[in-house]
Amino acid sequence: MTRKSSIGRIFGLPGSGRSSLRWGGAALVSVIVAIATFGLPMRTIQAQDWPTRPVKIVVPYGPGGISDVVARMVADRLTAKFGQRFIIETHPGANGAIGTEYAVRSAADGYTLYHAGGAEFSVVPVMQKVAYNPIKDLTPISMTTVNGMAMAINRDLPVHSVADFIAYARARPGKINYASVGRGSNSDLTPAAFAARAGLQLVDVPYTGAPPVILALINGTIQLFFGNVSDVVGPVRSGDVRLLAVSSAKRMPQYPDVPTVSETVSGFVMTGWNGFFAPAGTPRPIVARLAKAIAEACHDPEVVAKLANLSLDAVGGTPEELAAAIQADQPVYRQAMEAAGLLSK
């Protein structure tokens, strides 16, 4: 008695061997295709057709900020490449936690992306209670930009270098004010970490945004601001504010004559970055396609030039590089938060 083959048992075929061959070539090919299809996870099949409808990009800050501007630049390129609209949705509030939670609770189907800065991974979850774990709940796709902070001072201060500023502030403990825009922001953590490393007693004066900070820096209400270069470049060019240094690891190609802080305070580097993520569990083929497309967008000469005008360096890296950057940030920002008094020692 001839036993049916496993294929025959699954698909209700007659016996194996010669009787199976009577099906003919077309039927056999149909069986093979069916087996191959059923062997693929449904998510993989869906990933092959993605995207078939618009994709939303969640930015957890208000419109007009760096994360929003960069996301829109990249979204335009992704729309052109994939033939579906990539739409920016801003969900500001709670230092980005509202938008982040919205993103992590979204379906992991490739139709919700997330573009934000490193603080959402290294600062916000430590500084405040959140109902998610961004490192576990978000999948890295590609870093888009990186930037150092500009160390800007009031022009009337009789200092012209980082060493001069340290000596001047050290001789005046508690009398030098610095501005911060949001607790836990780079403008808050960078000067706090700098003061701790240099042994300075500086006074934190909080503000709601960069424009009022610049006015306060010009009129002398504050004497120091570590802000985005794009925020201070105008007043620096007009001579209303003095740019002493940048907090990046290397000098900025746009300002080759401006030293880094680390040239005076060895090893002091504080940078900000932005990157794309997706809800954890998003199919890997979609993540891979997005990473490649985002990298291509960031390497587009027009995008590179626009970002350079904002004093941002285009990156366009891999998911693995973005994940490594988050891990490298953890101890740096923890020390900065301790210096800013945001952690119990």
Protein backbone atom coordinates (compact mmCIF):
# COMPACT_ATOMS: atom_id res chain seq x y z
CA MET A 1 0.00 0.00 0.00
CA THR A 2 1.43 3.33 -1.08
CA ARG A 3 1.60 6.02 1.60
CA LYS A 4 0.56 9.53 0.66
CA SER A 5 3.37 12.09 0.70
CA SER A 6 3.32 14.96 3.17
CA ILE A 7 2.41 17.29 0.30
CA GLY A 8 -0.48 15.03 -0.61
CA ARG A 9 -1.74 14.97 2.96
CA ILE A 10 -1.66 18.77 3.19
CA PHE A 11 -3.24 19.54 -0.17
CA GLY A 12 -5.46 16.46 -0.59
CA LEU A 13 -3.50 15.00 -3.50
CA PRO A 14 -3.61 11.41 -4.64
CA GLY A 15 -0.64 9.23 -3.73
CA SER A 16 2.95 10.20 -4.09
CA GLY A 17 5.30 8.94 -6.75
CA ARG A 18 4.02 8.33 -10.29
CA SER A 19 0.42 9.19 -9.49
CA SER A 20 1.56 12.68 -8.43
CA LEU A 21 3.24 13.24 -11.75
CA ARG A 22 -0.10 12.85 -13.54
CA TRP A 23 -1.00 16.30 -12.12
CA GLY A 24 1.07 17.96 -14.74
CA GLY A 25 3.72 20.66 -14.53
CA ALA A 26 1.37 23.61 -13.96
CA ALA A 27 -0.28 22.01 -10.96
CA LEU A 28 3.06 21.11 -9.43
CA VAL A 29 4.33 24.68 -9.83
CA SER A 30 1.16 25.93 -8.12
CA VAL A 31 1.85 23.66 -5.17
CA ILE A 32 5.44 24.86 -4.87
CA VAL A 33 4.37 28.51 -5.00
CA ALA A 34 1.70 27.86 -2.39
CA ILE A 35 4.19 26.18 -0.09
CA ALA A 36 6.65 29.06 -0.52
CA THR A 37 3.94 31.61 0.18
CA PHE A 38 2.61 29.87 3.26
CA GLY A 39 6.18 29.57 4.48
CA LEU A 40 6.56 33.36 4.55
CA PRO A 41 5.33 35.32 7.57
CA MET A 42 2.41 37.57 6.69
CA ARG A 43 4.40 40.60 7.93
CA THR A 44 7.12 39.84 5.36
CA ILE A 45 4.55 39.64 2.58
CA GLN A 46 3.10 42.98 3.67
CA ALA A 47 6.57 44.53 3.86
CA GLN A 48 7.19 43.69 0.21
CA ASP A 49 4.27 45.92 -0.84
CA TRP A 50 4.91 48.75 1.64
CA PRO A 51 3.95 51.60 1.40
CA THR A 52 0.48 51.44 -0.09
CA ARG A 53 -0.88 54.48 1.77
CA PRO A 54 0.45 57.67 3.42
CA VAL A 55 3.00 57.38 6.23
CA LYS A 56 2.95 59.72 9.24
CA ILE A 57 6.09 60.98 10.94
CA VAL A 58 5.60 61.90 14.59
CA VAL A 59 7.72 64.78 15.90
CA PRO A 60 7.33 65.16 19.69
CA TYR A 61 8.04 68.91 19.65
CA GLY A 62 6.33 72.00 18.30
CA PRO A 63 6.62 73.06 14.66
CA GLY A 64 9.63 75.06 13.52
CA GLY A 65 12.27 73.38 15.69
CA ILE A 66 15.27 71.51 14.34
CA SER A 67 13.62 68.09 14.59
CA ASP A 68 10.58 69.35 12.71
CA VAL A 69 12.58 71.13 10.00
CA VAL A 70 14.87 68.16 9.36
CA ALA A 71 11.95 65.71 9.35
CA ARG A 72 10.21 67.79 6.67
CA MET A 73 13.32 67.87 4.49
CA VAL A 74 13.64 64.11 4.62
CA ALA A 75 9.87 63.57 4.26
CA ASP A 76 9.91 65.40 0.94
CA ARG A 77 12.56 63.01 -0.39
CA LEU A 78 10.78 59.93 0.95
CA THR A 79 7.52 61.06 -0.68
CA ALA A 80 9.28 61.39 -4.03
CA LYS A 81 11.05 58.03 -3.68
CA PHE A 82 8.16 55.84 -2.51
CA GLY A 83 5.25 57.55 -4.26
CA GLN A 84 3.25 57.92 -1.04
CA ARG A 85 2.95 61.01 1.14
CA PHE A 86 5.08 61.17 4.29
CA ILE A 87 3.17 63.54 6.56
CA ILE A 88 4.59 65.32 9.62
CA GLU A 89 2.50 65.29 12.80
CA THR A 90 3.75 67.37 15.73
CA HIS A 91 2.73 66.15 19.20
CA PRO A 92 4.51 68.51 21.65
CA GLY A 93 4.37 68.50 25.44
CA ALA A 94 5.99 67.06 28.57
CA ASN A 95 9.52 67.42 27.16
CA GLY A 96 8.57 65.25 24.20
CA ALA A 97 7.02 62.45 26.27
CA ILE A 98 3.51 62.96 24.85
CA GLY A 99 4.63 62.51 21.26
CA THR A 100 6.95 59.67 22.15
CA GLU A 101 4.21 57.71 23.88
CA TYR A 102 1.92 58.32 20.92
CA ALA A 103 4.58 56.85 18.62
CA VAL A 104 5.36 53.77 20.71
CA ARG A 105 1.64 52.97 21.05
CA SER A 106 1.14 53.11 17.27
CA ALA A 107 0.90 50.00 15.09
CA ALA A 108 4.26 48.50 14.10
CA ASP A 109 3.34 48.31 10.43
CA GLY A 110 5.65 50.90 8.87
CA TYR A 111 2.97 53.58 8.63
CA THR A 112 4.06 55.48 11.75
CA LEU A 113 7.61 56.79 12.08
CA TYR A 114 9.18 58.94 14.79
CA HIS A 115 11.81 61.67 14.46
CA ALA A 116 13.37 63.14 17.59
CA GLY A 117 16.57 63.93 19.45
CA GLY A 118 18.73 61.94 21.83
CA ALA A 119 17.24 63.52 24.95
CA GLU A 120 14.12 61.39 24.48
CA PHE A 121 16.26 58.29 25.12
CA SER A 122 18.90 59.45 27.61
CA VAL A 123 17.31 62.29 29.56
CA VAL A 124 13.51 62.37 29.62
CA PRO A 125 12.96 58.76 30.84
CA VAL A 126 15.43 59.37 33.69
CA MET A 127 14.27 62.85 34.61
CA GLN A 128 10.54 62.13 34.68
CA LYS A 129 8.19 59.17 34.95
CA VAL A 130 7.04 57.85 31.57
CA ALA A 131 4.82 54.92 30.65
CA TYR A 132 7.20 53.45 28.10
CA ASN A 133 10.83 52.46 27.55
CA PRO A 134 12.04 54.23 24.39
CA ILE A 135 15.06 51.96 23.93
CA LYS A 136 12.87 48.84 23.98
CA ASP A 137 9.73 50.31 22.44
CA LEU A 138 11.32 52.03 19.43
CA THR A 139 13.39 50.54 16.62
CA PRO A 140 16.32 52.68 15.35
CA ILE A 141 16.32 53.44 11.63
CA SER A 142 18.82 56.20 10.82
CA MET A 143 20.45 59.23 12.41
CA THR A 144 19.77 62.32 10.34
CA THR A 145 21.84 65.13 11.89
CA VAL A 146 24.36 65.87 14.61
CA ASN A 147 25.39 69.24 16.01
CA GLY A 148 27.49 70.75 18.73
CA MET A 149 26.33 73.51 21.06
CA ALA A 150 27.60 77.05 20.65
CA MET A 151 29.22 78.60 23.71
CA ALA A 152 28.05 82.20 23.33
CA ILE A 153 28.67 85.05 25.76
CA ASN A 154 27.66 88.66 26.26
CA ARG A 155 29.95 90.83 24.13
CA ASP A 156 30.80 93.14 27.05
CA LEU A 157 32.47 90.36 29.03
CA PRO A 158 36.26 91.01 29.01
CA VAL A 159 37.02 87.46 27.84
CA HIS A 160 37.99 86.08 24.43
CA SER A 161 38.60 82.39 25.04
CA VAL A 162 37.29 79.47 27.06
CA ALA A 163 40.29 79.76 29.39
CA ASP A 164 39.55 83.46 29.89
CA PHE A 165 35.91 82.70 30.71
CA ILE A 166 36.84 80.01 33.24
CA ALA A 167 39.24 82.35 35.02
CA TYR A 168 36.71 85.21 34.96
CA ALA A 169 33.83 83.07 36.29
CA ARG A 170 35.98 81.32 38.87
CA ALA A 171 36.82 84.72 40.36
CA ARG A 172 33.09 85.58 40.54
CA PRO A 173 31.30 82.57 42.06
CA GLY A 174 27.50 82.82 41.85
CA LYS A 175 27.59 85.99 39.76
CA ILE A 176 27.58 84.59 36.22
CA ASN A 177 24.17 83.70 34.81
CA TYR A 178 23.52 81.18 32.06
CA ALA A 179 20.27 80.58 30.20
CA SER A 180 18.49 77.28 29.77
CA VAL A 181 15.51 76.48 27.57
CA GLY A 182 13.70 73.57 29.22
CA ARG A 183 14.88 71.40 32.10
CA GLY A 184 16.94 68.53 30.80
CA SER A 185 17.56 70.16 27.42
CA ASN A 186 21.06 70.46 25.99
CA SER A 187 21.00 74.16 26.83
CA ASP A 188 20.44 73.14 30.45
CA LEU A 189 22.75 70.14 30.71
CA THR A 190 25.72 71.43 28.72
CA PRO A 191 26.50 74.51 30.88
CA ALA A 192 25.82 72.52 34.06
CA ALA A 193 28.28 69.83 32.98
CA PHE A 194 30.76 72.49 31.86
CA ALA A 195 30.56 74.27 35.22
CA ALA A 196 31.07 70.99 37.08
CA ARG A 197 34.12 70.09 34.99
CA ALA A 198 35.65 73.56 35.26
CA GLY A 199 34.85 74.02 38.97
CA LEU A 200 32.56 77.01 38.45
CA GLN A 201 29.53 78.26 40.36
CA LEU A 202 27.10 79.49 37.69
CA VAL A 203 23.45 80.52 38.09
CA ASP A 204 20.77 78.88 35.92
CA VAL A 205 18.15 81.27 34.55
CA PRO A 206 15.34 79.38 32.74
CA TYR A 207 13.67 80.75 29.59
CA THR A 208 10.83 79.56 27.39
CA GLY A 209 12.66 79.76 24.06
CA ALA A 210 15.77 80.83 22.21
CA PRO A 211 14.57 84.30 21.02
CA PRO A 212 14.18 85.76 24.54
CA VAL A 213 17.49 84.15 25.50
CA ILE A 214 19.29 85.96 22.69
CA LEU A 215 17.79 89.27 23.79
CA ALA A 216 18.88 88.61 27.38
CA LEU A 217 22.36 87.66 26.20
CA ILE A 218 22.64 90.88 24.18
CA ASN A 219 21.44 93.15 27.01
CA GLY A 220 23.56 91.41 29.64
CA THR A 221 20.80 89.85 31.76
CA ILE A 222 22.64 86.58 31.18
CA GLN A 223 26.30 86.19 30.36
CA LEU A 224 26.44 82.66 28.94
CA PHE A 225 24.32 80.49 26.64
CA PHE A 226 25.05 77.05 25.23
CA GLY A 227 22.59 76.94 22.34
CA ASN A 228 22.20 75.66 18.81
CA VAL A 229 24.64 77.41 16.50
CA SER A 230 21.73 78.36 14.26
CA ASP A 231 20.21 80.31 17.17
CA VAL A 232 23.26 82.49 17.75
CA VAL A 233 24.87 82.80 14.31
CA GLY A 234 22.92 85.98 13.43
CA PRO A 235 23.84 87.92 16.60
CA VAL A 236 27.41 86.66 16.31
CA ARG A 237 27.73 87.96 12.76
CA SER A 238 26.27 91.33 13.78
CA GLY A 239 28.70 91.58 16.69
CA ASP A 240 25.99 91.60 19.34
CA VAL A 241 27.14 88.26 20.80
CA ARG A 242 30.57 86.63 21.03
CA LEU A 243 31.07 82.98 20.07
CA LEU A 244 33.83 81.43 22.17
CA ALA A 245 33.68 77.75 21.24
CA VAL A 246 31.55 74.77 20.21
CA SER A 247 30.94 71.66 22.28
CA SER A 248 31.40 69.14 19.45
CA ALA A 249 34.36 66.75 19.28
CA LYS A 250 35.81 68.56 16.26
CA ARG A 251 35.73 72.10 14.97
CA MET A 252 32.78 72.83 12.72
CA PRO A 253 33.72 73.10 9.03
CA GLN A 254 31.45 76.17 8.78
CA TYR A 255 33.50 77.89 11.52
CA PRO A 256 37.04 76.50 11.32
CA ASP A 257 38.46 79.35 13.43
CA VAL A 258 36.13 78.64 16.37
CA PRO A 259 37.79 76.19 18.80
CA THR A 260 36.10 73.34 20.61
CA VAL A 261 35.57 73.47 24.35
CA SER A 262 37.59 70.27 24.63
CA GLU A 263 40.68 72.08 23.39
CA THR A 264 40.67 73.78 26.80
CA VAL A 265 38.63 71.37 28.97
CA SER A 266 40.01 68.00 27.94
CA GLY A 267 37.41 65.45 26.91
CA PHE A 268 34.43 67.78 27.25
CA VAL A 269 32.07 66.94 24.38
CA MET A 270 28.29 67.49 24.32
CA THR A 271 26.40 67.08 21.07
CA GLY A 272 22.82 66.83 19.98
CA TRP A 273 21.45 64.57 17.28
CA ASN A 274 18.20 63.68 15.59
CA GLY A 275 17.12 60.38 14.12
CA PHE A 276 14.31 58.30 12.70
CA PHE A 277 12.70 55.42 14.57
CA ALA A 278 9.69 53.13 14.22
CA PRO A 279 7.57 51.30 16.81
CA ALA A 280 9.30 48.13 18.01
CA GLY A 281 8.31 45.14 15.91
CA THR A 282 8.16 47.02 12.61
CA PRO A 283 9.17 44.48 9.91
CA ARG A 284 12.91 44.48 9.32
CA PRO A 285 12.56 44.74 5.51
CA ILE A 286 10.68 48.02 5.95
CA VAL A 287 13.28 49.31 8.41
CA ALA A 288 16.07 48.39 5.97
CA ARG A 289 14.35 50.13 3.05
CA LEU A 290 13.76 53.23 5.14
CA ALA A 291 17.33 53.33 6.45
CA LYS A 292 18.69 53.23 2.91
CA ALA A 293 16.24 55.88 1.67
CA ILE A 294 16.87 58.21 4.63
CA ALA A 295 20.63 57.90 4.17
CA GLU A 296 20.23 58.79 0.50
CA ALA A 297 18.13 61.82 1.46
CA CYS A 298 20.70 63.00 4.02
CA HIS A 299 23.50 62.64 1.47
CA ASP A 300 21.62 64.65 -1.16
CA PRO A 301 23.84 67.71 -1.87
CA GLU A 302 20.86 70.06 -1.60
CA VAL A 303 19.90 68.67 1.80
CA VAL A 304 23.52 68.75 3.00
CA ALA A 305 23.77 72.43 2.01
CA LYS A 306 20.48 73.35 3.71
CA LEU A 307 21.51 71.57 6.89
CA ALA A 308 24.93 73.24 6.82
CA ASN A 309 23.17 76.63 6.71
CA LEU A 310 21.50 75.58 9.97
CA SER A 311 24.93 74.55 11.34
CA LEU A 312 23.87 70.90 11.29
CA ASP A 313 25.96 68.03 9.96
CA ALA A 314 24.05 65.51 7.83
CA VAL A 315 24.58 61.89 8.87
CA GLY A 316 22.30 59.29 7.27
CA GLY A 317 23.65 56.29 9.18
CA THR A 318 22.53 52.71 9.75
CA PRO A 319 20.17 51.35 12.42
CA GLU A 320 23.16 49.79 14.19
CA GLU A 321 25.03 53.10 14.29
CA LEU A 322 22.01 54.89 15.74
CA ALA A 323 21.58 52.21 18.41
CA ALA A 324 25.28 52.53 19.31
CA ALA A 325 24.94 56.32 19.64
CA ILE A 326 22.11 55.90 22.14
CA GLN A 327 24.20 53.53 24.24
CA ALA A 328 27.18 55.90 24.16
CA ASP A 329 24.96 58.78 25.32
CA GLN A 330 23.78 57.09 28.52
CA PRO A 331 26.78 57.75 30.81
CA VAL A 332 27.47 61.19 29.32
CA TYR A 333 24.00 62.49 29.97
CA ARG A 334 23.72 60.83 33.35
CA GLN A 335 26.77 62.77 34.51
CA ALA A 336 25.32 65.95 33.02
CA MET A 337 22.01 65.41 34.83
CA GLU A 338 23.84 64.89 38.10
CA ALA A 339 25.68 68.16 37.51
CA ALA A 340 22.39 69.92 36.77
CA GLY A 341 20.84 68.58 39.97
CA LEU A 342 18.30 66.45 38.13
CA LEU A 343 19.33 63.21 39.84
CA SER A 344 19.72 62.26 43.45
CA LYS A 345 23.33 61.45 44.12
